[in-house]
C-alpha atoms as a PDB file:
ATOM      1  CA  UNK A   1     -36.043 163.274  -0.826  1.00  0.00           C
ATOM      2  CA  UNK A   2     -38.680 165.531  -2.310  1.00  0.00           C
ATOM      3  CA  UNK A   3     -38.432 163.680  -5.613  1.00  0.00           C
ATOM      4  CA  UNK A   4     -39.017 160.414  -3.787  1.00  0.00           C
ATOM      5  CA  UNK A   5     -42.059 161.753  -1.949  1.00  0.00           C
ATOM      6  CA  UNK A   6     -43.589 163.091  -5.155  1.00  0.00           C
ATOM      7  CA  UNK A   7     -42.796 159.812  -6.900  1.00  0.00           C
ATOM      8  CA  UNK A   8     -44.538 157.858  -4.161  1.00  0.00           C
ATOM      9  CA  UNK A   9     -47.575 160.146  -4.341  1.00  0.00           C
ATOM     10  CA  UNK A  10     -47.926 159.577  -8.108  1.00  0.00           C
ATOM     11  CA  UNK A  11     -47.287 155.836  -8.100  1.00  0.00           C
ATOM     12  CA  UNK A  12     -50.722 155.000  -9.496  1.00  0.00           C
ATOM     13  CA  UNK A  13     -50.369 157.266 -12.537  1.00  0.00           C
ATOM     14  CA  UNK A  14     -49.329 155.904 -15.967  1.00  0.00           C
ATOM     15  CA  UNK A  15     -45.535 155.577 -16.231  1.00  0.00           C
ATOM     16  CA  UNK A  16     -44.812 157.266 -19.544  1.00  0.00           C
ATOM     17  CA  UNK A  17     -47.300 160.104 -19.047  1.00  0.00           C
ATOM     18  CA  UNK A  18     -45.816 161.198 -15.730  1.00  0.00           C
ATOM     19  CA  UNK A  19     -42.284 160.998 -17.110  1.00  0.00           C
ATOM     20  CA  UNK A  20     -43.255 163.046 -20.155  1.00  0.00           C
ATOM     21  CA  UNK A  21     -44.698 165.713 -17.857  1.00  0.00           C
ATOM     22  CA  UNK A  22     -41.567 165.622 -15.709  1.00  0.00           C
ATOM     23  CA  UNK A  23     -39.280 165.954 -18.725  1.00  0.00           C
ATOM     24  CA  UNK A  24     -41.311 168.952 -19.839  1.00  0.00           C
ATOM     25  CA  UNK A  25     -40.869 170.524 -16.408  1.00  0.00           C
ATOM     26  CA  UNK A  26     -37.127 169.914 -16.542  1.00  0.00           C
ATOM     27  CA  UNK A  27     -36.979 171.567 -19.940  1.00  0.00           C
ATOM     28  CA  UNK A  28     -39.015 174.494 -18.603  1.00  0.00           C
ATOM     29  CA  UNK A  29     -36.629 174.917 -15.650  1.00  0.00           C
ATOM     30  CA  UNK A  30     -33.600 174.789 -17.948  1.00  0.00           C
ATOM     31  CA  UNK A  31     -35.082 177.350 -20.356  1.00  0.00           C
ATOM     32  CA  UNK A  32     -36.086 179.592 -17.437  1.00  0.00           C
ATOM     33  CA  UNK A  33     -32.585 179.357 -16.017  1.00  0.00           C
ATOM     34  CA  UNK A  34     -30.949 180.226 -19.327  1.00  0.00           C
ATOM     35  CA  UNK A  35     -33.559 182.809 -20.280  1.00  0.00           C
ATOM     36  CA  UNK A  36     -33.255 184.744 -17.047  1.00  0.00           C
ATOM     37  CA  UNK A  37     -29.474 184.760 -17.097  1.00  0.00           C
ATOM     38  CA  UNK A  38     -29.187 188.430 -18.004  1.00  0.00           C
ATOM     39  CA  UNK A  39     -32.308 189.719 -16.252  1.00  0.00           C
ATOM     40  CA  UNK A  40     -32.219 188.333 -12.729  1.00  0.00           C
ATOM     41  CA  UNK A  41     -29.051 188.327 -10.689  1.00  0.00           C
ATOM     42  CA  UNK A  42     -30.002 187.218  -7.193  1.00  0.00           C
ATOM     43  CA  UNK A  43     -28.764 184.392  -5.058  1.00  0.00           C
ATOM     44  CA  UNK A  44     -32.301 183.159  -4.357  1.00  0.00           C
ATOM     45  CA  UNK A  45     -32.947 182.779  -8.068  1.00  0.00           C
ATOM     46  CA  UNK A  46     -29.764 180.818  -8.660  1.00  0.00           C
ATOM     47  CA  UNK A  47     -30.557 178.533  -5.734  1.00  0.00           C
ATOM     48  CA  UNK A  48     -34.215 177.912  -6.618  1.00  0.00           C
ATOM     49  CA  UNK A  49     -33.897 176.927 -10.279  1.00  0.00           C
ATOM     50  CA  UNK A  50     -31.109 174.319  -9.934  1.00  0.00           C
ATOM     51  CA  UNK A  51     -32.847 172.943  -6.838  1.00  0.00           C
ATOM     52  CA  UNK A  52     -36.077 172.566  -8.817  1.00  0.00           C
ATOM     53  CA  UNK A  53     -34.173 170.903 -11.627  1.00  0.00           C
ATOM     54  CA  UNK A  54     -32.508 168.444  -9.251  1.00  0.00           C
ATOM     55  CA  UNK A  55     -35.854 167.593  -7.623  1.00  0.00           C
ATOM     56  CA  UNK A  56     -37.277 166.781 -11.036  1.00  0.00           C
ATOM     57  CA  UNK A  57     -34.214 164.659 -11.784  1.00  0.00           C
ATOM     58  CA  UNK A  58     -34.669 162.754  -8.500  1.00  0.00           C
ATOM     59  CA  UNK A  59     -38.299 162.130  -9.457  1.00  0.00           C
ATOM     60  CA  UNK A  60     -37.182 160.721 -12.813  1.00  0.00           C
ATOM     61  CA  UNK A  61     -34.550 158.532 -11.165  1.00  0.00           C
ATOM     62  CA  UNK A  62     -37.015 157.112  -8.629  1.00  0.00           C
ATOM     63  CA  UNK A  63     -39.543 156.272 -11.315  1.00  0.00           C
ATOM     64  CA  UNK A  64     -37.024 154.600 -13.609  1.00  0.00           C
ATOM     65  CA  UNK A  65     -35.428 152.742 -10.706  1.00  0.00           C
ATOM     66  CA  UNK A  66     -38.791 151.412  -9.507  1.00  0.00           C
ATOM     67  CA  UNK A  67     -39.679 150.425 -13.064  1.00  0.00           C
ATOM     68  CA  UNK A  68     -36.373 148.569 -13.489  1.00  0.00           C
ATOM     69  CA  UNK A  69     -36.682 146.762 -10.164  1.00  0.00           C
ATOM     70  CA  UNK A  70     -40.240 145.679 -10.881  1.00  0.00           C
ATOM     71  CA  UNK A  71     -39.390 144.575 -14.428  1.00  0.00           C
ATOM     72  CA  UNK A  72     -36.126 142.769 -13.586  1.00  0.00           C
ATOM     73  CA  UNK A  73     -36.267 141.635  -9.934  1.00  0.00           C
ATOM     74  CA  UNK A  74     -33.555 138.987 -10.367  1.00  0.00           C
ATOM     75  CA  UNK A  75     -31.050 141.559 -11.619  1.00  0.00           C
ATOM     76  CA  UNK A  76     -31.551 144.254  -8.993  1.00  0.00           C
ATOM     77  CA  UNK A  77     -27.861 145.184  -8.757  1.00  0.00           C
ATOM     78  CA  UNK A  78     -27.459 145.542 -12.501  1.00  0.00           C
ATOM     79  CA  UNK A  79     -30.720 147.469 -12.766  1.00  0.00           C
ATOM     80  CA  UNK A  80     -29.623 149.948 -10.104  1.00  0.00           C
ATOM     81  CA  UNK A  81     -26.216 150.469 -11.703  1.00  0.00           C
ATOM     82  CA  UNK A  82     -27.608 150.978 -15.176  1.00  0.00           C
ATOM     83  CA  UNK A  83     -30.323 153.308 -13.939  1.00  0.00           C
ATOM     84  CA  UNK A  84     -27.908 155.402 -11.901  1.00  0.00           C
ATOM     85  CA  UNK A  85     -25.370 155.654 -14.720  1.00  0.00           C
ATOM     86  CA  UNK A  86     -27.761 156.220 -17.574  1.00  0.00           C
ATOM     87  CA  UNK A  87     -29.876 158.853 -15.818  1.00  0.00           C
ATOM     88  CA  UNK A  88     -28.072 160.741 -13.098  1.00  0.00           C
ATOM     89  CA  UNK A  89     -24.517 160.641 -14.358  1.00  0.00           C
ATOM     90  CA  UNK A  90     -25.463 161.368 -17.930  1.00  0.00           C
ATOM     91  CA  UNK A  91     -27.672 164.318 -16.996  1.00  0.00           C
ATOM     92  CA  UNK A  92     -25.092 165.756 -14.609  1.00  0.00           C
ATOM     93  CA  UNK A  93     -22.215 165.374 -17.063  1.00  0.00           C
ATOM     94  CA  UNK A  94     -24.165 166.870 -19.954  1.00  0.00           C
ATOM     95  CA  UNK A  95     -25.060 169.965 -17.972  1.00  0.00           C
END
């Protein structure tokens, strides 16, 4: 839900700029998670970084889903299926 709230708050921003910033944040979270693998061994750390990564992924999904629904309103079912498969499933399976 946090990704949806942040997405709604940034609805007036340019589409590709906010997604580029979000992808950079996701990359930063992934590098921080891998880089701190040997240095920090606490439960809080291993809960915070994946949670931050999943919030950024929810933000990306909400933006792409809104973009698809506004671009193709007659094909809302297909747009939701393609967005869900191409973004969430692909990211989750690759990690």
